[in-house]
């Protein structure tokens, strides 16, 4: 009897492990996705480009789910919607946890990758684990001369139930507590270009320029190839992470203006470099700077500099 239970536990662990394990690597090249489609015609592919772009041509079998459906309101685009909203969305898309899911966007520039990374992160936050992103998006699919369809994919609604993975996200209050308590076990990474970090440029959704207190600048653009919009090979990614000492902290928090560029940093550090406990602050500086409490910031421009910037903008407009 003892042998029976031991054997049962072993086979159950194998079965559960097979459910959790991803079928493909987090980042797929166009040719790899083409081969995957040949092996698994039922592969779930999500096209997050605009409806017009989707109608003009998409990867065969892909369903249309424009990026805006995954985002928050105009004043706080990175804000997460609630579970009922996301559950309705993934069910309408026919998504299940029985087949791999691949997300792709246009691939027109480095910023565009953040859209695919943010949707990937959202799906993982909702409890799905068998996920991949098409490296270089639809642009690379076209350059690889792969098949394109103009027929809208029809899917049956699923009954998927979402389950939040709280380890992937950090809230404003949780981050504030870490800063207030001077927590030295984590690193706070600002994914934006240096001019944003330095407070010389401000996003429309932020009430002031600068960065969240204690943050270090880790621009998202460094992860891409020099000659195209694909993410660098994993070996190069790991070397960049090592050389910058980004693998030393027990925990990593990634943010930007609206949780878009930060999703690229999250994806690269968590899914490619393999760092443990990487979390995304989804609402990022839009939420942080709009708070009535005036949360801790650094590199904020002086009052005079702010007036000059507003005057310059009025003149240029």
C-alpha atoms as a PDB file:
ATOM      1  CA  UNK A   1       0.000   0.000   0.000  1.00  0.00           C
ATOM      2  CA  UNK A   2       2.855   2.382   0.845  1.00  0.00           C
ATOM      3  CA  UNK A   3       4.352   1.639  -2.599  1.00  0.00           C
ATOM      4  CA  UNK A   4       0.992   2.399  -4.231  1.00  0.00           C
ATOM      5  CA  UNK A   5       0.699   5.850  -2.624  1.00  0.00           C
ATOM      6  CA  UNK A   6       4.309   6.679  -3.420  1.00  0.00           C
ATOM      7  CA  UNK A   7       3.750   5.715  -7.056  1.00  0.00           C
ATOM      8  CA  UNK A   8       0.501   7.685  -7.180  1.00  0.00           C
ATOM      9  CA  UNK A   9       2.225  10.775  -5.789  1.00  0.00           C
ATOM     10  CA  UNK A  10       4.994  10.430  -8.371  1.00  0.00           C
ATOM     11  CA  UNK A  11       2.630  10.177 -11.334  1.00  0.00           C
ATOM     12  CA  UNK A  12       0.496  13.014 -10.019  1.00  0.00           C
ATOM     13  CA  UNK A  13       3.557  15.210  -9.750  1.00  0.00           C
ATOM     14  CA  UNK A  14       4.442  14.377 -13.345  1.00  0.00           C
ATOM     15  CA  UNK A  15       0.924  15.161 -14.491  1.00  0.00           C
ATOM     16  CA  UNK A  16       0.781  18.450 -12.636  1.00  0.00           C
ATOM     17  CA  UNK A  17       4.243  19.360 -13.821  1.00  0.00           C
ATOM     18  CA  UNK A  18       3.216  18.814 -17.446  1.00  0.00           C
ATOM     19  CA  UNK A  19       0.348  21.250 -16.990  1.00  0.00           C
ATOM     20  CA  UNK A  20       2.633  23.924 -15.565  1.00  0.00           C
ATOM     21  CA  UNK A  21       5.524  23.557 -18.007  1.00  0.00           C
ATOM     22  CA  UNK A  22       5.550  25.792 -21.085  1.00  0.00           C
ATOM     23  CA  UNK A  23       5.519  24.023 -24.437  1.00  0.00           C
ATOM     24  CA  UNK A  24       7.783  26.543 -26.165  1.00  0.00           C
ATOM     25  CA  UNK A  25      10.341  29.141 -25.148  1.00  0.00           C
ATOM     26  CA  UNK A  26       8.956  32.524 -23.994  1.00  0.00           C
ATOM     27  CA  UNK A  27      10.373  34.124 -27.154  1.00  0.00           C
ATOM     28  CA  UNK A  28       9.732  32.530 -30.547  1.00  0.00           C
ATOM     29  CA  UNK A  29      11.302  33.443 -33.881  1.00  0.00           C
ATOM     30  CA  UNK A  30       9.035  33.551 -36.933  1.00  0.00           C
ATOM     31  CA  UNK A  31      10.327  30.258 -38.317  1.00  0.00           C
ATOM     32  CA  UNK A  32       9.893  28.590 -34.924  1.00  0.00           C
ATOM     33  CA  UNK A  33       6.282  29.746 -34.736  1.00  0.00           C
ATOM     34  CA  UNK A  34       5.686  28.472 -38.277  1.00  0.00           C
ATOM     35  CA  UNK A  35       7.029  25.052 -37.294  1.00  0.00           C
ATOM     36  CA  UNK A  36       4.928  25.106 -34.118  1.00  0.00           C
ATOM     37  CA  UNK A  37       1.805  25.829 -36.167  1.00  0.00           C
ATOM     38  CA  UNK A  38       2.541  22.872 -38.409  1.00  0.00           C
ATOM     39  CA  UNK A  39       2.864  20.608 -35.376  1.00  0.00           C
ATOM     40  CA  UNK A  40      -0.051  22.154 -33.459  1.00  0.00           C
ATOM     41  CA  UNK A  41      -2.698  23.683 -35.758  1.00  0.00           C
ATOM     42  CA  UNK A  42      -4.819  24.388 -32.661  1.00  0.00           C
ATOM     43  CA  UNK A  43      -2.161  26.750 -31.246  1.00  0.00           C
ATOM     44  CA  UNK A  44      -3.819  29.834 -29.706  1.00  0.00           C
ATOM     45  CA  UNK A  45      -2.456  33.000 -31.337  1.00  0.00           C
ATOM     46  CA  UNK A  46      -3.411  36.514 -30.250  1.00  0.00           C
ATOM     47  CA  UNK A  47      -2.985  39.457 -32.639  1.00  0.00           C
ATOM     48  CA  UNK A  48      -2.989  42.664 -30.557  1.00  0.00           C
ATOM     49  CA  UNK A  49      -2.669  45.081 -33.489  1.00  0.00           C
ATOM     50  CA  UNK A  50      -5.508  47.331 -34.619  1.00  0.00           C
ATOM     51  CA  UNK A  51      -8.606  45.755 -36.214  1.00  0.00           C
ATOM     52  CA  UNK A  52      -7.663  47.345 -39.565  1.00  0.00           C
ATOM     53  CA  UNK A  53      -4.175  45.840 -39.481  1.00  0.00           C
ATOM     54  CA  UNK A  54      -5.645  42.480 -38.560  1.00  0.00           C
ATOM     55  CA  UNK A  55      -8.147  42.632 -41.425  1.00  0.00           C
ATOM     56  CA  UNK A  56      -5.385  43.523 -43.897  1.00  0.00           C
ATOM     57  CA  UNK A  57      -3.531  40.325 -43.067  1.00  0.00           C
ATOM     58  CA  UNK A  58      -2.570  38.253 -40.035  1.00  0.00           C
ATOM     59  CA  UNK A  59      -0.986  34.978 -39.005  1.00  0.00           C
ATOM     60  CA  UNK A  60      -3.352  32.127 -39.944  1.00  0.00           C
ATOM     61  CA  UNK A  61      -5.535  31.149 -37.003  1.00  0.00           C
ATOM     62  CA  UNK A  62      -4.841  34.296 -34.992  1.00  0.00           C
ATOM     63  CA  UNK A  63      -7.697  36.008 -33.173  1.00  0.00           C
ATOM     64  CA  UNK A  64      -7.934  39.783 -32.963  1.00  0.00           C
ATOM     65  CA  UNK A  65      -7.586  41.327 -29.488  1.00  0.00           C
ATOM     66  CA  UNK A  66      -6.361  44.939 -29.896  1.00  0.00           C
ATOM     67  CA  UNK A  67      -3.952  46.180 -27.250  1.00  0.00           C
ATOM     68  CA  UNK A  68      -6.431  48.764 -25.986  1.00  0.00           C
ATOM     69  CA  UNK A  69      -8.610  45.952 -24.639  1.00  0.00           C
ATOM     70  CA  UNK A  70      -5.836  45.039 -22.223  1.00  0.00           C
ATOM     71  CA  UNK A  71      -5.256  48.585 -20.964  1.00  0.00           C
ATOM     72  CA  UNK A  72      -6.829  50.965 -18.442  1.00  0.00           C
ATOM     73  CA  UNK A  73      -8.450  54.415 -18.802  1.00  0.00           C
ATOM     74  CA  UNK A  74      -6.835  57.306 -20.712  1.00  0.00           C
ATOM     75  CA  UNK A  75      -5.562  59.043 -17.565  1.00  0.00           C
ATOM     76  CA  UNK A  76      -4.051  55.809 -16.215  1.00  0.00           C
ATOM     77  CA  UNK A  77      -3.495  53.359 -19.109  1.00  0.00           C
ATOM     78  CA  UNK A  78      -1.449  50.935 -17.034  1.00  0.00           C
ATOM     79  CA  UNK A  79      -4.197  50.382 -14.460  1.00  0.00           C
ATOM     80  CA  UNK A  80      -5.291  46.749 -14.272  1.00  0.00           C
ATOM     81  CA  UNK A  81      -8.937  45.970 -14.965  1.00  0.00           C
ATOM     82  CA  UNK A  82     -10.730  43.651 -12.558  1.00  0.00           C
ATOM     83  CA  UNK A  83     -11.043  39.884 -12.888  1.00  0.00           C
ATOM     84  CA  UNK A  84     -14.622  39.846 -14.251  1.00  0.00           C
ATOM     85  CA  UNK A  85     -13.517  42.062 -17.143  1.00  0.00           C
ATOM     86  CA  UNK A  86     -10.480  39.954 -18.002  1.00  0.00           C
ATOM     87  CA  UNK A  87     -12.356  36.694 -17.551  1.00  0.00           C
ATOM     88  CA  UNK A  88     -14.974  37.854 -20.048  1.00  0.00           C
ATOM     89  CA  UNK A  89     -12.238  38.924 -22.482  1.00  0.00           C
ATOM     90  CA  UNK A  90     -10.230  35.682 -22.401  1.00  0.00           C
ATOM     91  CA  UNK A  91     -13.412  33.615 -22.688  1.00  0.00           C
ATOM     92  CA  UNK A  92     -14.536  35.589 -25.744  1.00  0.00           C
ATOM     93  CA  UNK A  93     -11.136  34.910 -27.289  1.00  0.00           C
ATOM     94  CA  UNK A  94     -11.667  31.203 -26.691  1.00  0.00           C
ATOM     95  CA  UNK A  95      -8.523  30.939 -24.585  1.00  0.00           C
ATOM     96  CA  UNK A  96      -7.930  27.827 -22.513  1.00  0.00           C
ATOM     97  CA  UNK A  97      -5.029  26.415 -20.531  1.00  0.00           C
ATOM     98  CA  UNK A  98      -4.965  23.308 -22.720  1.00  0.00           C
ATOM     99  CA  UNK A  99      -2.905  24.703 -25.626  1.00  0.00           C
ATOM    100  CA  UNK A 100       0.024  27.133 -25.883  1.00  0.00           C
ATOM    101  CA  UNK A 101      -0.734  30.834 -26.381  1.00  0.00           C
ATOM    102  CA  UNK A 102       1.404  33.088 -28.576  1.00  0.00           C
ATOM    103  CA  UNK A 103       1.074  36.886 -28.506  1.00  0.00           C
ATOM    104  CA  UNK A 104       2.249  39.176 -31.279  1.00  0.00           C
ATOM    105  CA  UNK A 105       2.067  42.837 -32.242  1.00  0.00           C
ATOM    106  CA  UNK A 106       3.361  44.779 -35.247  1.00  0.00           C
ATOM    107  CA  UNK A 107       7.083  44.784 -34.497  1.00  0.00           C
ATOM    108  CA  UNK A 108       7.550  48.203 -36.106  1.00  0.00           C
ATOM    109  CA  UNK A 109       9.858  49.465 -33.331  1.00  0.00           C
ATOM    110  CA  UNK A 110      11.265  48.624 -29.907  1.00  0.00           C
ATOM    111  CA  UNK A 111       8.421  50.363 -28.091  1.00  0.00           C
ATOM    112  CA  UNK A 112       5.916  48.113 -29.837  1.00  0.00           C
ATOM    113  CA  UNK A 113       7.387  45.039 -28.150  1.00  0.00           C
ATOM    114  CA  UNK A 114       6.153  46.409 -24.831  1.00  0.00           C
ATOM    115  CA  UNK A 115       2.569  45.840 -25.957  1.00  0.00           C
ATOM    116  CA  UNK A 116       3.137  42.127 -26.530  1.00  0.00           C
ATOM    117  CA  UNK A 117       5.127  41.861 -23.301  1.00  0.00           C
ATOM    118  CA  UNK A 118       2.376  43.602 -21.340  1.00  0.00           C
ATOM    119  CA  UNK A 119      -0.320  41.249 -22.696  1.00  0.00           C
ATOM    120  CA  UNK A 120       1.946  38.245 -21.991  1.00  0.00           C
ATOM    121  CA  UNK A 121       2.433  39.520 -18.423  1.00  0.00           C
ATOM    122  CA  UNK A 122      -1.320  40.089 -18.029  1.00  0.00           C
ATOM    123  CA  UNK A 123      -2.125  36.555 -19.145  1.00  0.00           C
ATOM    124  CA  UNK A 124       0.458  35.157 -16.754  1.00  0.00           C
ATOM    125  CA  UNK A 125      -0.931  37.339 -13.976  1.00  0.00           C
ATOM    126  CA  UNK A 126      -4.349  35.827 -14.760  1.00  0.00           C
ATOM    127  CA  UNK A 127      -2.978  32.329 -14.177  1.00  0.00           C
ATOM    128  CA  UNK A 128      -2.002  31.152 -17.668  1.00  0.00           C
ATOM    129  CA  UNK A 129       1.513  29.745 -17.980  1.00  0.00           C
ATOM    130  CA  UNK A 130       1.964  28.223 -21.446  1.00  0.00           C
ATOM    131  CA  UNK A 131       2.872  31.521 -23.119  1.00  0.00           C
ATOM    132  CA  UNK A 132       5.192  32.891 -25.794  1.00  0.00           C
ATOM    133  CA  UNK A 133       5.809  36.140 -27.683  1.00  0.00           C
ATOM    134  CA  UNK A 134       6.707  36.360 -31.376  1.00  0.00           C
ATOM    135  CA  UNK A 135      10.085  38.091 -31.538  1.00  0.00           C
ATOM    136  CA  UNK A 136       9.863  41.051 -33.907  1.00  0.00           C
ATOM    137  CA  UNK A 137       6.113  40.686 -34.289  1.00  0.00           C
ATOM    138  CA  UNK A 138       4.218  40.583 -37.564  1.00  0.00           C
ATOM    139  CA  UNK A 139       7.015  42.458 -39.336  1.00  0.00           C
ATOM    140  CA  UNK A 140       9.390  39.538 -38.815  1.00  0.00           C
ATOM    141  CA  UNK A 141       6.671  37.096 -39.839  1.00  0.00           C
ATOM    142  CA  UNK A 142       6.389  38.942 -43.148  1.00  0.00           C
ATOM    143  CA  UNK A 143      10.159  39.195 -43.623  1.00  0.00           C
ATOM    144  CA  UNK A 144      10.387  35.440 -43.122  1.00  0.00           C
ATOM    145  CA  UNK A 145       7.839  35.085 -45.956  1.00  0.00           C
ATOM    146  CA  UNK A 146       5.410  33.074 -43.857  1.00  0.00           C
ATOM    147  CA  UNK A 147       1.758  32.468 -44.720  1.00  0.00           C
ATOM    148  CA  UNK A 148      -0.715  35.305 -44.172  1.00  0.00           C
ATOM    149  CA  UNK A 149      -4.511  35.133 -43.930  1.00  0.00           C
ATOM    150  CA  UNK A 150      -7.167  37.819 -44.332  1.00  0.00           C
ATOM    151  CA  UNK A 151      -9.997  35.633 -43.030  1.00  0.00           C
ATOM    152  CA  UNK A 152     -11.230  36.474 -39.542  1.00  0.00           C
ATOM    153  CA  UNK A 153     -10.706  33.542 -37.174  1.00  0.00           C
ATOM    154  CA  UNK A 154     -13.893  32.290 -35.545  1.00  0.00           C
ATOM    155  CA  UNK A 155     -13.572  30.737 -32.097  1.00  0.00           C
ATOM    156  CA  UNK A 156     -15.963  29.250 -29.583  1.00  0.00           C
ATOM    157  CA  UNK A 157     -16.118  30.903 -26.193  1.00  0.00           C
ATOM    158  CA  UNK A 158     -14.268  29.100 -23.434  1.00  0.00           C
ATOM    159  CA  UNK A 159     -15.059  28.654 -19.762  1.00  0.00           C
ATOM    160  CA  UNK A 160     -11.635  29.652 -18.488  1.00  0.00           C
ATOM    161  CA  UNK A 161     -11.492  30.862 -14.891  1.00  0.00           C
ATOM    162  CA  UNK A 162      -8.769  33.388 -14.108  1.00  0.00           C
ATOM    163  CA  UNK A 163      -6.663  33.107 -10.962  1.00  0.00           C
ATOM    164  CA  UNK A 164      -4.386  36.012 -10.043  1.00  0.00           C
ATOM    165  CA  UNK A 165      -0.693  35.389  -9.507  1.00  0.00           C
ATOM    166  CA  UNK A 166       0.076  38.047  -6.902  1.00  0.00           C
ATOM    167  CA  UNK A 167       3.828  37.345  -7.128  1.00  0.00           C
ATOM    168  CA  UNK A 168       3.987  39.118 -10.489  1.00  0.00           C
ATOM    169  CA  UNK A 169       2.538  42.463  -9.419  1.00  0.00           C
ATOM    170  CA  UNK A 170       3.217  45.168  -6.863  1.00  0.00           C
ATOM    171  CA  UNK A 171       0.746  47.824  -5.791  1.00  0.00           C
ATOM    172  CA  UNK A 172       1.395  51.481  -5.065  1.00  0.00           C
ATOM    173  CA  UNK A 173       1.027  50.942  -1.327  1.00  0.00           C
ATOM    174  CA  UNK A 174       3.353  47.930  -1.308  1.00  0.00           C
ATOM    175  CA  UNK A 175       6.019  49.868  -3.192  1.00  0.00           C
ATOM    176  CA  UNK A 176       5.627  52.886  -0.914  1.00  0.00           C
ATOM    177  CA  UNK A 177       6.133  50.646   2.108  1.00  0.00           C
ATOM    178  CA  UNK A 178       9.376  49.283   0.666  1.00  0.00           C
ATOM    179  CA  UNK A 179      10.683  52.801   0.042  1.00  0.00           C
ATOM    180  CA  UNK A 180       9.559  54.088   3.443  1.00  0.00           C
ATOM    181  CA  UNK A 181      11.154  51.167   5.265  1.00  0.00           C
ATOM    182  CA  UNK A 182      14.354  51.548   3.210  1.00  0.00           C
ATOM    183  CA  UNK A 183      14.176  47.955   2.060  1.00  0.00           C
ATOM    184  CA  UNK A 184      17.589  46.982   0.681  1.00  0.00           C
ATOM    185  CA  UNK A 185      16.647  43.499  -0.529  1.00  0.00           C
ATOM    186  CA  UNK A 186      15.015  44.656  -3.771  1.00  0.00           C
ATOM    187  CA  UNK A 187      15.926  46.814  -6.768  1.00  0.00           C
ATOM    188  CA  UNK A 188      13.593  49.373  -8.323  1.00  0.00           C
ATOM    189  CA  UNK A 189      14.160  49.748 -12.063  1.00  0.00           C
ATOM    190  CA  UNK A 190      12.938  52.651 -14.192  1.00  0.00           C
ATOM    191  CA  UNK A 191      12.609  51.282 -17.745  1.00  0.00           C
ATOM    192  CA  UNK A 192      12.274  54.675 -19.438  1.00  0.00           C
ATOM    193  CA  UNK A 193      14.888  56.474 -21.569  1.00  0.00           C
ATOM    194  CA  UNK A 194      17.362  58.601 -19.561  1.00  0.00           C
ATOM    195  CA  UNK A 195      15.705  61.972 -20.301  1.00  0.00           C
ATOM    196  CA  UNK A 196      12.516  60.763 -18.587  1.00  0.00           C
ATOM    197  CA  UNK A 197      14.470  59.386 -15.642  1.00  0.00           C
ATOM    198  CA  UNK A 198      16.385  62.654 -15.294  1.00  0.00           C
ATOM    199  CA  UNK A 199      13.174  64.694 -15.251  1.00  0.00           C
ATOM    200  CA  UNK A 200      13.933  66.538 -18.491  1.00  0.00           C
ATOM    201  CA  UNK A 201      10.983  64.940 -20.323  1.00  0.00           C
ATOM    202  CA  UNK A 202       7.564  64.156 -18.841  1.00  0.00           C
ATOM    203  CA  UNK A 203       4.818  61.859 -20.075  1.00  0.00           C
ATOM    204  CA  UNK A 204       1.324  63.405 -20.442  1.00  0.00           C
ATOM    205  CA  UNK A 205      -0.057  60.996 -17.829  1.00  0.00           C
ATOM    206  CA  UNK A 206       2.446  62.108 -15.163  1.00  0.00           C
ATOM    207  CA  UNK A 207       1.719  65.191 -13.057  1.00  0.00           C
ATOM    208  CA  UNK A 208       5.436  65.878 -12.660  1.00  0.00           C
ATOM    209  CA  UNK A 209       8.733  64.814 -14.181  1.00  0.00           C
ATOM    210  CA  UNK A 210      11.384  62.742 -12.465  1.00  0.00           C
ATOM    211  CA  UNK A 211      11.451  59.208 -11.163  1.00  0.00           C
ATOM    212  CA  UNK A 212      10.245  57.231  -8.151  1.00  0.00           C
ATOM    213  CA  UNK A 213      12.610  57.619  -5.188  1.00  0.00           C
ATOM    214  CA  UNK A 214      15.464  55.058  -5.004  1.00  0.00           C
ATOM    215  CA  UNK A 215      14.990  53.928  -8.620  1.00  0.00           C
ATOM    216  CA  UNK A 216      17.889  53.243 -10.957  1.00  0.00           C
ATOM    217  CA  UNK A 217      17.625  53.769 -14.690  1.00  0.00           C
ATOM    218  CA  UNK A 218      17.564  50.578 -16.801  1.00  0.00           C
ATOM    219  CA  UNK A 219      16.391  51.697 -20.267  1.00  0.00           C
ATOM    220  CA  UNK A 220      14.344  49.090 -22.098  1.00  0.00           C
ATOM    221  CA  UNK A 221      15.978  49.830 -25.466  1.00  0.00           C
ATOM    222  CA  UNK A 222      19.219  48.084 -24.518  1.00  0.00           C
ATOM    223  CA  UNK A 223      17.662  44.639 -24.899  1.00  0.00           C
ATOM    224  CA  UNK A 224      17.142  44.904 -28.667  1.00  0.00           C
ATOM    225  CA  UNK A 225      19.329  44.026 -31.633  1.00  0.00           C
ATOM    226  CA  UNK A 226      21.141  46.920 -33.277  1.00  0.00           C
ATOM    227  CA  UNK A 227      19.885  46.043 -36.767  1.00  0.00           C
ATOM    228  CA  UNK A 228      16.210  45.189 -36.184  1.00  0.00           C
ATOM    229  CA  UNK A 229      13.404  45.296 -33.590  1.00  0.00           C
ATOM    230  CA  UNK A 230      13.943  41.814 -32.186  1.00  0.00           C
ATOM    231  CA  UNK A 231      15.104  41.075 -28.652  1.00  0.00           C
ATOM    232  CA  UNK A 232      18.762  40.042 -28.462  1.00  0.00           C
ATOM    233  CA  UNK A 233      19.745  36.367 -28.079  1.00  0.00           C
ATOM    234  CA  UNK A 234      19.323  35.067 -24.518  1.00  0.00           C
ATOM    235  CA  UNK A 235      23.087  34.672 -24.037  1.00  0.00           C
ATOM    236  CA  UNK A 236      23.573  38.388 -24.753  1.00  0.00           C
ATOM    237  CA  UNK A 237      20.684  39.280 -22.447  1.00  0.00           C
ATOM    238  CA  UNK A 238      22.194  37.319 -19.573  1.00  0.00           C
ATOM    239  CA  UNK A 239      25.578  38.942 -20.102  1.00  0.00           C
ATOM    240  CA  UNK A 240      24.027  42.431 -20.047  1.00  0.00           C
ATOM    241  CA  UNK A 241      22.170  41.550 -16.847  1.00  0.00           C
ATOM    242  CA  UNK A 242      25.336  40.197 -15.233  1.00  0.00           C
ATOM    243  CA  UNK A 243      27.522  43.137 -16.277  1.00  0.00           C
ATOM    244  CA  UNK A 244      25.036  45.616 -14.792  1.00  0.00           C
ATOM    245  CA  UNK A 245      24.674  43.679 -11.559  1.00  0.00           C
ATOM    246  CA  UNK A 246      20.940  43.256 -12.096  1.00  0.00           C
ATOM    247  CA  UNK A 247      21.067  39.668 -10.869  1.00  0.00           C
ATOM    248  CA  UNK A 248      22.141  40.541  -7.315  1.00  0.00           C
ATOM    249  CA  UNK A 249      18.876  41.660  -5.687  1.00  0.00           C
ATOM    250  CA  UNK A 250      16.468  39.236  -4.062  1.00  0.00           C
ATOM    251  CA  UNK A 251      13.539  40.954  -5.753  1.00  0.00           C
ATOM    252  CA  UNK A 252      13.099  43.278  -8.737  1.00  0.00           C
ATOM    253  CA  UNK A 253      10.362  45.848  -9.400  1.00  0.00           C
ATOM    254  CA  UNK A 254       9.932  47.289 -12.885  1.00  0.00           C
ATOM    255  CA  UNK A 255       8.041  50.488 -13.733  1.00  0.00           C
ATOM    256  CA  UNK A 256       7.833  53.237 -16.376  1.00  0.00           C
ATOM    257  CA  UNK A 257       5.141  55.781 -17.274  1.00  0.00           C
ATOM    258  CA  UNK A 258       2.215  53.407 -17.771  1.00  0.00           C
ATOM    259  CA  UNK A 259       3.587  49.888 -17.338  1.00  0.00           C
ATOM    260  CA  UNK A 260       4.346  49.447 -21.062  1.00  0.00           C
ATOM    261  CA  UNK A 261       8.135  49.828 -21.403  1.00  0.00           C
ATOM    262  CA  UNK A 262       8.376  48.307 -17.925  1.00  0.00           C
ATOM    263  CA  UNK A 263       6.703  45.160 -19.257  1.00  0.00           C
ATOM    264  CA  UNK A 264       9.647  44.722 -21.632  1.00  0.00           C
ATOM    265  CA  UNK A 265      12.076  44.901 -18.703  1.00  0.00           C
ATOM    266  CA  UNK A 266       9.901  42.477 -16.734  1.00  0.00           C
ATOM    267  CA  UNK A 267       9.777  40.034 -19.647  1.00  0.00           C
ATOM    268  CA  UNK A 268      13.505  40.176 -20.334  1.00  0.00           C
ATOM    269  CA  UNK A 269      14.573  39.870 -16.685  1.00  0.00           C
ATOM    270  CA  UNK A 270      11.993  37.304 -15.613  1.00  0.00           C
ATOM    271  CA  UNK A 271      11.367  35.162 -18.675  1.00  0.00           C
ATOM    272  CA  UNK A 272      14.715  35.345 -20.500  1.00  0.00           C
ATOM    273  CA  UNK A 273      17.374  36.117 -17.884  1.00  0.00           C
ATOM    274  CA  UNK A 274      15.597  33.893 -15.374  1.00  0.00           C
ATOM    275  CA  UNK A 275      15.699  36.260 -12.393  1.00  0.00           C
ATOM    276  CA  UNK A 276      13.494  35.229  -9.495  1.00  0.00           C
ATOM    277  CA  UNK A 277      10.759  37.433  -8.015  1.00  0.00           C
ATOM    278  CA  UNK A 278      10.460  40.047 -10.752  1.00  0.00           C
ATOM    279  CA  UNK A 279       7.334  42.172 -10.300  1.00  0.00           C
ATOM    280  CA  UNK A 280       5.655  44.798 -12.433  1.00  0.00           C
ATOM    281  CA  UNK A 281       4.153  48.004 -11.101  1.00  0.00           C
ATOM    282  CA  UNK A 282       1.418  48.154 -13.762  1.00  0.00           C
ATOM    283  CA  UNK A 283       0.058  51.675 -13.196  1.00  0.00           C
ATOM    284  CA  UNK A 284       3.582  53.084 -12.764  1.00  0.00           C
ATOM    285  CA  UNK A 285       4.221  56.847 -12.688  1.00  0.00           C
ATOM    286  CA  UNK A 286       0.767  57.757 -13.975  1.00  0.00           C
ATOM    287  CA  UNK A 287      -0.702  56.513 -10.693  1.00  0.00           C
ATOM    288  CA  UNK A 288       2.281  57.436  -8.519  1.00  0.00           C
ATOM    289  CA  UNK A 289       2.437  61.106  -9.541  1.00  0.00           C
ATOM    290  CA  UNK A 290      -1.337  61.598  -9.592  1.00  0.00           C
ATOM    291  CA  UNK A 291      -1.674  60.546  -5.961  1.00  0.00           C
ATOM    292  CA  UNK A 292      -2.861  63.343  -3.654  1.00  0.00           C
ATOM    293  CA  UNK A 293      -0.245  62.439  -1.017  1.00  0.00           C
ATOM    294  CA  UNK A 294       2.747  63.590  -3.090  1.00  0.00           C
ATOM    295  CA  UNK A 295       4.642  60.314  -3.030  1.00  0.00           C
ATOM    296  CA  UNK A 296       8.483  60.265  -2.844  1.00  0.00           C
ATOM    297  CA  UNK A 297      10.193  61.269  -6.065  1.00  0.00           C
ATOM    298  CA  UNK A 298      13.695  62.086  -7.273  1.00  0.00           C
ATOM    299  CA  UNK A 299      15.037  64.161 -10.181  1.00  0.00           C
ATOM    300  CA  UNK A 300      11.925  66.313 -10.182  1.00  0.00           C
ATOM    301  CA  UNK A 301      12.361  69.656 -11.972  1.00  0.00           C
ATOM    302  CA  UNK A 302      12.278  72.836  -9.912  1.00  0.00           C
ATOM    303  CA  UNK A 303       9.251  75.101  -9.972  1.00  0.00           C
ATOM    304  CA  UNK A 304      11.083  77.489 -12.279  1.00  0.00           C
ATOM    305  CA  UNK A 305      12.042  74.669 -14.633  1.00  0.00           C
ATOM    306  CA  UNK A 306       8.431  73.515 -14.758  1.00  0.00           C
ATOM    307  CA  UNK A 307       7.217  77.014 -15.648  1.00  0.00           C
ATOM    308  CA  UNK A 308       9.863  77.293 -18.381  1.00  0.00           C
ATOM    309  CA  UNK A 309       8.838  73.899 -19.806  1.00  0.00           C
ATOM    310  CA  UNK A 310       5.163  74.898 -19.900  1.00  0.00           C
ATOM    311  CA  UNK A 311       6.017  78.222 -21.549  1.00  0.00           C
ATOM    312  CA  UNK A 312       8.208  76.467 -24.125  1.00  0.00           C
ATOM    313  CA  UNK A 313       5.423  74.036 -24.929  1.00  0.00           C
ATOM    314  CA  UNK A 314       2.936  76.895 -25.411  1.00  0.00           C
ATOM    315  CA  UNK A 315       5.324  78.703 -27.754  1.00  0.00           C
ATOM    316  CA  UNK A 316       6.056  75.573 -29.779  1.00  0.00           C
ATOM    317  CA  UNK A 317       2.379  74.680 -30.031  1.00  0.00           C
END
